[in-house]
Amino acid sequence: RQLGIGMVFQHFTLFETITVAENVALSMPGTPQELA
């Protein structure tokens, strides 16, 4: 990702027990509220 390579996997890599915004916040700067 630092080089500029992004990937969407066929088998998903999301954590099921947290929200969409919280999942995005794990790989991007910003709080879930800011990223929403």
PDB file of all heavy atoms in Angstrom:
ATOM      1  N   ARG A   1       0.833  -1.216   0.000  1.00  0.00           N
ATOM      2  CA  ARG A   1       0.000   0.000   0.000  1.00  0.00           C
ATOM      3  C   ARG A   1       0.860   1.256   0.000  1.00  0.00           C
ATOM      4  O   ARG A   1       0.513   2.258  -0.638  1.00  0.00           O
ATOM      5  CB  ARG A   1      -0.936  -0.028   1.207  1.00  0.00           C
ATOM      6  CG  ARG A   1      -2.130  -0.967   1.034  1.00  0.00           C
ATOM      7  CD  ARG A   1      -3.159  -0.765   2.126  1.00  0.00           C
ATOM      8  NE  ARG A   1      -2.717  -1.293   3.403  1.00  0.00           N
ATOM      9  CZ  ARG A   1      -3.010  -2.507   3.856  1.00  0.00           C
ATOM     10  NH1 ARG A   1      -3.739  -3.329   3.120  1.00  0.00           N
ATOM     11  NH2 ARG A   1      -2.568  -2.912   5.032  1.00  0.00           N
ATOM     12  N   GLN A   2       1.996   1.229   0.708  1.00  0.00           N
ATOM     13  CA  GLN A   2       2.898   2.382   0.703  1.00  0.00           C
ATOM     14  C   GLN A   2       3.450   2.650  -0.690  1.00  0.00           C
ATOM     15  O   GLN A   2       3.636   3.812  -1.089  1.00  0.00           O
ATOM     16  CB  GLN A   2       4.042   2.156   1.695  1.00  0.00           C
ATOM     17  CG  GLN A   2       3.615   2.221   3.152  1.00  0.00           C
ATOM     18  CD  GLN A   2       4.748   1.856   4.103  1.00  0.00           C
ATOM     19  OE1 GLN A   2       5.836   1.468   3.670  1.00  0.00           O
ATOM     20  NE2 GLN A   2       4.494   1.967   5.404  1.00  0.00           N
ATOM     21  N   LEU A   3       3.717   1.576  -1.436  1.00  0.00           N
ATOM     22  CA  LEU A   3       4.202   1.735  -2.812  1.00  0.00           C
ATOM     23  C   LEU A   3       3.110   2.297  -3.722  1.00  0.00           C
ATOM     24  O   LEU A   3       3.410   2.924  -4.741  1.00  0.00           O
ATOM     25  CB  LEU A   3       4.678   0.386  -3.358  1.00  0.00           C
ATOM     26  CG  LEU A   3       5.963  -0.204  -2.768  1.00  0.00           C
ATOM     27  CD1 LEU A   3       6.186  -1.615  -3.283  1.00  0.00           C
ATOM     28  CD2 LEU A   3       7.164   0.675  -3.105  1.00  0.00           C
ATOM     29  N   GLY A   4       1.850   2.047  -3.366  1.00  0.00           N
ATOM     30  CA  GLY A   4       0.730   2.481  -4.204  1.00  0.00           C
ATOM     31  C   GLY A   4      -0.017   1.333  -4.841  1.00  0.00           C
ATOM     32  O   GLY A   4      -0.666   1.504  -5.886  1.00  0.00           O
ATOM     33  N   ILE A   5       0.059   0.147  -4.228  1.00  0.00           N
ATOM     34  CA  ILE A   5      -0.634  -1.039  -4.740  1.00  0.00           C
ATOM     35  C   ILE A   5      -1.807  -1.351  -3.817  1.00  0.00           C
ATOM     36  O   ILE A   5      -1.632  -1.491  -2.602  1.00  0.00           O
ATOM     37  CB  ILE A   5       0.307  -2.263  -4.808  1.00  0.00           C
ATOM     38  CG1 ILE A   5       1.521  -1.956  -5.702  1.00  0.00           C
ATOM     39  CG2 ILE A   5      -0.438  -3.488  -5.332  1.00  0.00           C
ATOM     40  CD1 ILE A   5       2.596  -3.029  -5.669  1.00  0.00           C
ATOM     41  N   GLY A   6      -2.982  -1.446  -4.374  1.00  0.00           N
ATOM     42  CA  GLY A   6      -4.167  -1.818  -3.610  1.00  0.00           C
ATOM     43  C   GLY A   6      -4.764  -3.089  -4.181  1.00  0.00           C
ATOM     44  O   GLY A   6      -4.624  -3.366  -5.373  1.00  0.00           O
ATOM     45  N   MET A   7      -5.431  -3.880  -3.333  1.00  0.00           N
ATOM     46  CA  MET A   7      -6.001  -5.142  -3.795  1.00  0.00           C
ATOM     47  C   MET A   7      -7.347  -5.394  -3.133  1.00  0.00           C
ATOM     48  O   MET A   7      -7.508  -5.192  -1.927  1.00  0.00           O
ATOM     49  CB  MET A   7      -5.049  -6.312  -3.512  1.00  0.00           C
ATOM     50  CG  MET A   7      -5.585  -7.661  -3.987  1.00  0.00           C
ATOM     51  SD  MET A   7      -4.337  -8.974  -3.919  1.00  0.00           S
ATOM     52  CE  MET A   7      -5.313 -10.373  -4.505  1.00  0.00           C
ATOM     53  N   VAL A   8      -8.297  -5.834  -3.940  1.00  0.00           N
ATOM     54  CA  VAL A   8      -9.586  -6.311  -3.451  1.00  0.00           C
ATOM     55  C   VAL A   8      -9.595  -7.822  -3.620  1.00  0.00           C
ATOM     56  O   VAL A   8      -9.562  -8.327  -4.731  1.00  0.00           O
ATOM     57  CB  VAL A   8     -10.756  -5.676  -4.219  1.00  0.00           C
ATOM     58  CG1 VAL A   8     -12.081  -6.254  -3.737  1.00  0.00           C
ATOM     59  CG2 VAL A   8     -10.753  -4.162  -4.034  1.00  0.00           C
ATOM     60  N   PHE A   9      -9.627  -8.540  -2.494  1.00  0.00           N
ATOM     61  CA  PHE A   9      -9.525  -9.993  -2.522  1.00  0.00           C
ATOM     62  C   PHE A   9     -10.856 -10.637  -2.875  1.00  0.00           C
ATOM     63  O   PHE A   9     -11.930 -10.108  -2.579  1.00  0.00           O
ATOM     64  CB  PHE A   9      -9.084 -10.524  -1.150  1.00  0.00           C
ATOM     65  CG  PHE A   9      -7.654 -10.213  -0.811  1.00  0.00           C
ATOM     66  CD1 PHE A   9      -7.322  -9.014  -0.185  1.00  0.00           C
ATOM     67  CD2 PHE A   9      -6.646 -11.100  -1.118  1.00  0.00           C
ATOM     68  CE1 PHE A   9      -6.011  -8.721   0.134  1.00  0.00           C
ATOM     69  CE2 PHE A   9      -5.327 -10.816  -0.811  1.00  0.00           C
ATOM     70  CZ  PHE A   9      -5.002  -9.621  -0.182  1.00  0.00           C
ATOM     71  N   GLN A  10     -10.759 -11.833  -3.460  1.00  0.00           N
ATOM     72  CA  GLN A  10     -11.953 -12.621  -3.721  1.00  0.00           C
ATOM     73  C   GLN A  10     -12.564 -13.102  -2.408  1.00  0.00           C
ATOM     74  O   GLN A  10     -13.776 -13.070  -2.216  1.00  0.00           O
ATOM     75  CB  GLN A  10     -11.591 -13.821  -4.609  1.00  0.00           C
ATOM     76  CG  GLN A  10     -12.793 -14.635  -5.055  1.00  0.00           C
ATOM     77  CD  GLN A  10     -12.387 -15.807  -5.926  1.00  0.00           C
ATOM     78  OE1 GLN A  10     -11.222 -16.182  -5.963  1.00  0.00           O
ATOM     79  NE2 GLN A  10     -13.339 -16.391  -6.610  1.00  0.00           N
ATOM     80  N   HIS A  11     -11.710 -13.548  -1.469  1.00  0.00           N
ATOM     81  CA  HIS A  11     -12.175 -13.866  -0.121  1.00  0.00           C
ATOM     82  C   HIS A  11     -11.961 -12.631   0.741  1.00  0.00           C
ATOM     83  O   HIS A  11     -10.850 -12.116   0.833  1.00  0.00           O
ATOM     84  CB  HIS A  11     -11.404 -15.059   0.460  1.00  0.00           C
ATOM     85  CG  HIS A  11     -11.769 -16.349  -0.180  1.00  0.00           C
ATOM     86  ND1 HIS A  11     -10.848 -17.342  -0.455  1.00  0.00           N
ATOM     87  CD2 HIS A  11     -12.952 -16.827  -0.614  1.00  0.00           C
ATOM     88  CE1 HIS A  11     -11.446 -18.375  -1.018  1.00  0.00           C
ATOM     89  NE2 HIS A  11     -12.724 -18.076  -1.137  1.00  0.00           N
ATOM     90  N   PHE A  12     -13.002 -12.157   1.339  1.00  0.00           N
ATOM     91  CA  PHE A  12     -12.980 -10.862   1.999  1.00  0.00           C
ATOM     92  C   PHE A  12     -12.083 -10.860   3.235  1.00  0.00           C
ATOM     93  O   PHE A  12     -11.871 -11.892   3.883  1.00  0.00           O
ATOM     94  CB  PHE A  12     -14.397 -10.445   2.377  1.00  0.00           C
ATOM     95  CG  PHE A  12     -15.348 -10.469   1.205  1.00  0.00           C
ATOM     96  CD1 PHE A  12     -16.658 -10.880   1.366  1.00  0.00           C
ATOM     97  CD2 PHE A  12     -14.925 -10.101  -0.054  1.00  0.00           C
ATOM     98  CE1 PHE A  12     -17.529 -10.920   0.291  1.00  0.00           C
ATOM     99  CE2 PHE A  12     -15.778 -10.138  -1.134  1.00  0.00           C
ATOM    100  CZ  PHE A  12     -17.090 -10.548  -0.958  1.00  0.00           C
ATOM    101  N   THR A  13     -11.575  -9.674   3.582  1.00  0.00           N
ATOM    102  CA  THR A  13     -10.653  -9.509   4.708  1.00  0.00           C
ATOM    103  C   THR A  13     -11.225  -8.544   5.728  1.00  0.00           C
ATOM    104  O   THR A  13     -10.495  -7.791   6.367  1.00  0.00           O
ATOM    105  CB  THR A  13      -9.286  -9.010   4.204  1.00  0.00           C
ATOM    106  OG1 THR A  13      -9.463  -7.764   3.507  1.00  0.00           O
ATOM    107  CG2 THR A  13      -8.636 -10.015   3.278  1.00  0.00           C
ATOM    108  N   LEU A  14     -12.528  -8.559   5.894  1.00  0.00           N
ATOM    109  CA  LEU A  14     -13.202  -7.647   6.825  1.00  0.00           C
ATOM    110  C   LEU A  14     -13.413  -8.326   8.177  1.00  0.00           C
ATOM    111  O   LEU A  14     -13.593  -9.540   8.252  1.00  0.00           O
ATOM    112  CB  LEU A  14     -14.563  -7.230   6.258  1.00  0.00           C
ATOM    113  CG  LEU A  14     -14.547  -6.536   4.893  1.00  0.00           C
ATOM    114  CD1 LEU A  14     -15.971  -6.394   4.366  1.00  0.00           C
ATOM    115  CD2 LEU A  14     -13.879  -5.172   4.988  1.00  0.00           C
ATOM    116  N   PHE A  15     -13.401  -7.521   9.238  1.00  0.00           N
ATOM    117  CA  PHE A  15     -13.747  -8.009  10.562  1.00  0.00           C
ATOM    118  C   PHE A  15     -15.260  -7.879  10.737  1.00  0.00           C
ATOM    119  O   PHE A  15     -15.819  -6.777  10.635  1.00  0.00           O
ATOM    120  CB  PHE A  15     -13.009  -7.211  11.641  1.00  0.00           C
ATOM    121  CG  PHE A  15     -11.536  -7.491  11.689  1.00  0.00           C
ATOM    122  CD1 PHE A  15     -10.639  -6.687  10.995  1.00  0.00           C
ATOM    123  CD2 PHE A  15     -11.040  -8.567  12.413  1.00  0.00           C
ATOM    124  CE1 PHE A  15      -9.281  -6.950  11.033  1.00  0.00           C
ATOM    125  CE2 PHE A  15      -9.681  -8.840  12.448  1.00  0.00           C
ATOM    126  CZ  PHE A  15      -8.794  -8.027  11.755  1.00  0.00           C
ATOM    127  N   GLU A  16     -15.916  -8.998  11.025  1.00  0.00           N
ATOM    128  CA  GLU A  16     -17.376  -9.030  11.005  1.00  0.00           C
ATOM    129  C   GLU A  16     -18.029  -8.317  12.179  1.00  0.00           C
ATOM    130  O   GLU A  16     -19.163  -7.855  12.073  1.00  0.00           O
ATOM    131  CB  GLU A  16     -17.867 -10.484  10.955  1.00  0.00           C
ATOM    132  CG  GLU A  16     -17.503 -11.210   9.679  1.00  0.00           C
ATOM    133  CD  GLU A  16     -18.362 -12.430   9.442  1.00  0.00           C
ATOM    134  OE1 GLU A  16     -19.186 -12.756  10.316  1.00  0.00           O
ATOM    135  OE2 GLU A  16     -18.226 -13.044   8.378  1.00  0.00           O
ATOM    136  N   THR A  17     -17.346  -8.242  13.320  1.00  0.00           N
ATOM    137  CA  THR A  17     -17.997  -7.726  14.531  1.00  0.00           C
ATOM    138  C   THR A  17     -17.920  -6.214  14.662  1.00  0.00           C
ATOM    139  O   THR A  17     -18.445  -5.654  15.627  1.00  0.00           O
ATOM    140  CB  THR A  17     -17.371  -8.369  15.774  1.00  0.00           C
ATOM    141  OG1 THR A  17     -15.955  -8.134  15.768  1.00  0.00           O
ATOM    142  CG2 THR A  17     -17.637  -9.861  15.804  1.00  0.00           C
ATOM    143  N   ILE A  18     -17.282  -5.523  13.722  1.00  0.00           N
ATOM    144  CA  ILE A  18     -17.225  -4.065  13.765  1.00  0.00           C
ATOM    145  C   ILE A  18     -17.889  -3.486  12.517  1.00  0.00           C
ATOM    146  O   ILE A  18     -18.236  -4.210  11.586  1.00  0.00           O
ATOM    147  CB  ILE A  18     -15.776  -3.552  13.915  1.00  0.00           C
ATOM    148  CG1 ILE A  18     -14.899  -4.022  12.731  1.00  0.00           C
ATOM    149  CG2 ILE A  18     -15.184  -4.034  15.238  1.00  0.00           C
ATOM    150  CD1 ILE A  18     -13.465  -3.511  12.798  1.00  0.00           C
ATOM    151  N   THR A  19     -18.047  -2.182  12.497  1.00  0.00           N
ATOM    152  CA  THR A  19     -18.792  -1.536  11.416  1.00  0.00           C
ATOM    153  C   THR A  19     -17.930  -1.346  10.169  1.00  0.00           C
ATOM    154  O   THR A  19     -16.711  -1.535  10.185  1.00  0.00           O
ATOM    155  CB  THR A  19     -19.295  -0.155  11.859  1.00  0.00           C
ATOM    156  OG1 THR A  19     -18.165   0.721  12.058  1.00  0.00           O
ATOM    157  CG2 THR A  19     -20.116  -0.247  13.147  1.00  0.00           C
ATOM    158  N   VAL A  20     -18.600  -0.940   9.097  1.00  0.00           N
ATOM    159  CA  VAL A  20     -17.912  -0.635   7.841  1.00  0.00           C
ATOM    160  C   VAL A  20     -16.856   0.446   8.063  1.00  0.00           C
ATOM    161  O   VAL A  20     -15.691   0.303   7.664  1.00  0.00           O
ATOM    162  CB  VAL A  20     -18.927  -0.189   6.779  1.00  0.00           C
ATOM    163  CG1 VAL A  20     -18.209   0.376   5.554  1.00  0.00           C
ATOM    164  CG2 VAL A  20     -19.847  -1.334   6.379  1.00  0.00           C
ATOM    165  N   ALA A  21     -17.243   1.547   8.712  1.00  0.00           N
ATOM    166  CA  ALA A  21     -16.310   2.658   8.935  1.00  0.00           C
ATOM    167  C   ALA A  21     -15.137   2.235   9.804  1.00  0.00           C
ATOM    168  O   ALA A  21     -13.986   2.664   9.579  1.00  0.00           O
ATOM    169  CB  ALA A  21     -17.042   3.833   9.576  1.00  0.00           C
ATOM    170  N   GLU A  22     -15.383   1.388  10.799  1.00  0.00           N
ATOM    171  CA  GLU A  22     -14.306   0.911  11.659  1.00  0.00           C
ATOM    172  C   GLU A  22     -13.346   0.027  10.880  1.00  0.00           C
ATOM    173  O   GLU A  22     -12.128   0.067  11.103  1.00  0.00           O
ATOM    174  CB  GLU A  22     -14.891   0.171  12.857  1.00  0.00           C
ATOM    175  CG  GLU A  22     -15.556   1.106  13.869  1.00  0.00           C
ATOM    176  CD  GLU A  22     -16.402   0.363  14.888  1.00  0.00           C
ATOM    177  OE1 GLU A  22     -16.810  -0.787  14.613  1.00  0.00           O
ATOM    178  OE2 GLU A  22     -16.658   0.940  15.960  1.00  0.00           O
ATOM    179  N   ASN A  23     -13.845  -0.776   9.953  1.00  0.00           N
ATOM    180  CA  ASN A  23     -12.982  -1.582   9.094  1.00  0.00           C
ATOM    181  C   ASN A  23     -12.110  -0.703   8.219  1.00  0.00           C
ATOM    182  O   ASN A  23     -10.917  -0.965   8.046  1.00  0.00           O
ATOM    183  CB  ASN A  23     -13.824  -2.519   8.228  1.00  0.00           C
ATOM    184  CG  ASN A  23     -14.036  -3.888   8.847  1.00  0.00           C
ATOM    185  OD1 ASN A  23     -13.145  -4.731   8.814  1.00  0.00           O
ATOM    186  ND2 ASN A  23     -15.199  -4.088   9.432  1.00  0.00           N
ATOM    187  N   VAL A  24     -12.694   0.330   7.650  1.00  0.00           N
ATOM    188  CA  VAL A  24     -11.924   1.241   6.797  1.00  0.00           C
ATOM    189  C   VAL A  24     -10.850   1.955   7.614  1.00  0.00           C
ATOM    190  O   VAL A  24      -9.720   2.154   7.156  1.00  0.00           O
ATOM    191  CB  VAL A  24     -12.859   2.255   6.113  1.00  0.00           C
ATOM    192  CG1 VAL A  24     -12.055   3.321   5.367  1.00  0.00           C
ATOM    193  CG2 VAL A  24     -13.806   1.545   5.149  1.00  0.00           C
ATOM    194  N   ALA A  25     -11.177   2.313   8.868  1.00  0.00           N
ATOM    195  CA  ALA A  25     -10.229   3.028   9.720  1.00  0.00           C
ATOM    196  C   ALA A  25      -9.002   2.201  10.064  1.00  0.00           C
ATOM    197  O   ALA A  25      -7.954   2.747  10.432  1.00  0.00           O
ATOM    198  CB  ALA A  25     -10.926   3.480  11.012  1.00  0.00           C
ATOM    199  N   LEU A  26      -9.093   0.869   9.944  1.00  0.00           N
ATOM    200  CA  LEU A  26      -7.948   0.017  10.238  1.00  0.00           C
ATOM    201  C   LEU A  26      -6.824   0.175   9.218  1.00  0.00           C
ATOM    202  O   LEU A  26      -5.676  -0.131   9.515  1.00  0.00           O
ATOM    203  CB  LEU A  26      -8.388  -1.447  10.296  1.00  0.00           C
ATOM    204  CG  LEU A  26      -9.325  -1.836  11.447  1.00  0.00           C
ATOM    205  CD1 LEU A  26      -9.773  -3.277  11.295  1.00  0.00           C
ATOM    206  CD2 LEU A  26      -8.639  -1.624  12.793  1.00  0.00           C
ATOM    207  N   SER A  27      -7.147   0.650   8.024  1.00  0.00           N
ATOM    208  CA  SER A  27      -6.126   0.772   6.976  1.00  0.00           C
ATOM    209  C   SER A  27      -5.974   2.198   6.455  1.00  0.00           C
ATOM    210  O   SER A  27      -5.241   2.424   5.496  1.00  0.00           O
ATOM    211  CB  SER A  27      -6.460  -0.164   5.807  1.00  0.00           C
ATOM    212  OG  SER A  27      -7.741   0.120   5.301  1.00  0.00           O
ATOM    213  N   MET A  28      -6.678   3.170   7.096  1.00  0.00           N
ATOM    214  CA  MET A  28      -6.597   4.561   6.656  1.00  0.00           C
ATOM    215  C   MET A  28      -6.546   5.494   7.859  1.00  0.00           C
ATOM    216  O   MET A  28      -7.110   5.174   8.905  1.00  0.00           O
ATOM    217  CB  MET A  28      -7.826   4.937   5.802  1.00  0.00           C
ATOM    218  CG  MET A  28      -7.854   4.344   4.430  1.00  0.00           C
ATOM    219  SD  MET A  28      -9.208   5.051   3.454  1.00  0.00           S
ATOM    220  CE  MET A  28      -8.696   6.780   3.360  1.00  0.00           C
ATOM    221  N   PRO A  29      -5.898   6.634   7.736  1.00  0.00           N
ATOM    222  CA  PRO A  29      -5.914   7.597   8.839  1.00  0.00           C
ATOM    223  C   PRO A  29      -7.306   8.204   9.006  1.00  0.00           C
ATOM    224  O   PRO A  29      -8.052   8.369   8.038  1.00  0.00           O
ATOM    225  CB  PRO A  29      -4.898   8.653   8.396  1.00  0.00           C
ATOM    226  CG  PRO A  29      -4.807   8.524   6.908  1.00  0.00           C
ATOM    227  CD  PRO A  29      -5.055   7.086   6.605  1.00  0.00           C
ATOM    228  N   GLY A  30      -7.641   8.512  10.255  1.00  0.00           N
ATOM    229  CA  GLY A  30      -8.944   9.109  10.535  1.00  0.00           C
ATOM    230  C   GLY A  30      -9.776   8.218  11.427  1.00  0.00           C
ATOM    231  O   GLY A  30      -9.602   6.989  11.436  1.00  0.00           O
ATOM    232  N   THR A  31     -10.669   8.822  12.180  1.00  0.00           N
ATOM    233  CA  THR A  31     -11.566   8.055  13.037  1.00  0.00           C
ATOM    234  C   THR A  31     -12.738   7.538  12.201  1.00  0.00           C
ATOM    235  O   THR A  31     -13.019   8.062  11.116  1.00  0.00           O
ATOM    236  CB  THR A  31     -12.114   8.928  14.166  1.00  0.00           C
ATOM    237  OG1 THR A  31     -12.963   9.950  13.596  1.00  0.00           O
ATOM    238  CG2 THR A  31     -10.986   9.595  14.950  1.00  0.00           C
ATOM    239  N   PRO A  32     -13.440   6.510  12.707  1.00  0.00           N
ATOM    240  CA  PRO A  32     -14.621   6.026  11.978  1.00  0.00           C
ATOM    241  C   PRO A  32     -15.642   7.125  11.704  1.00  0.00           C
ATOM    242  O   PRO A  32     -16.258   7.153  10.627  1.00  0.00           O
ATOM    243  CB  PRO A  32     -15.179   4.950  12.915  1.00  0.00           C
ATOM    244  CG  PRO A  32     -13.982   4.449  13.655  1.00  0.00           C
ATOM    245  CD  PRO A  32     -13.121   5.651  13.864  1.00  0.00           C
ATOM    246  N   GLN A  33     -15.801   8.047  12.661  1.00  0.00           N
ATOM    247  CA  GLN A  33     -16.761   9.145  12.470  1.00  0.00           C
ATOM    248  C   GLN A  33     -16.313  10.058  11.328  1.00  0.00           C
ATOM    249  O   GLN A  33     -17.126  10.502  10.503  1.00  0.00           O
ATOM    250  CB  GLN A  33     -16.905   9.959  13.761  1.00  0.00           C
ATOM    251  CG  GLN A  33     -17.608   9.223  14.899  1.00  0.00           C
ATOM    252  CD  GLN A  33     -16.742   8.147  15.537  1.00  0.00           C
ATOM    253  OE1 GLN A  33     -15.508   8.194  15.443  1.00  0.00           O
ATOM    254  NE2 GLN A  33     -17.372   7.152  16.153  1.00  0.00           N
ATOM    255  N   GLU A  34     -14.996  10.328  11.279  1.00  0.00           N
ATOM    256  CA  GLU A  34     -14.476  11.187  10.211  1.00  0.00           C
ATOM    257  C   GLU A  34     -14.564  10.497   8.853  1.00  0.00           C
ATOM    258  O   GLU A  34     -14.836  11.148   7.829  1.00  0.00           O
ATOM    259  CB  GLU A  34     -13.025  11.560  10.513  1.00  0.00           C
ATOM    260  CG  GLU A  34     -12.852  12.444  11.727  1.00  0.00           C
ATOM    261  CD  GLU A  34     -11.398  12.554  12.169  1.00  0.00           C
ATOM    262  OE1 GLU A  34     -10.577  11.713  11.739  1.00  0.00           O
ATOM    263  OE2 GLU A  34     -11.093  13.471  12.936  1.00  0.00           O
ATOM    264  N   LEU A  35     -14.338   9.198   8.828  1.00  0.00           N
ATOM    265  CA  LEU A  35     -14.323   8.460   7.568  1.00  0.00           C
ATOM    266  C   LEU A  35     -15.720   8.173   7.035  1.00  0.00           C
ATOM    267  O   LEU A  35     -15.879   7.907   5.842  1.00  0.00           O
ATOM    268  CB  LEU A  35     -13.571   7.143   7.742  1.00  0.00           C
ATOM    269  CG  LEU A  35     -12.053   7.276   7.956  1.00  0.00           C
ATOM    270  CD1 LEU A  35     -11.452   5.946   8.360  1.00  0.00           C
ATOM    271  CD2 LEU A  35     -11.385   7.796   6.683  1.00  0.00           C
ATOM    272  N   ALA A  36     -16.730   8.220   7.906  1.00  0.00           N
ATOM    273  CA  ALA A  36     -18.095   7.904   7.464  1.00  0.00           C
ATOM    274  C   ALA A  36     -18.534   8.813   6.323  1.00  0.00           C
ATOM    275  O   ALA A  36     -19.153   8.361   5.346  1.00  0.00           O
ATOM    276  CB  ALA A  36     -19.064   7.998   8.639  1.00  0.00           C
TER     277      ALA A  36
END
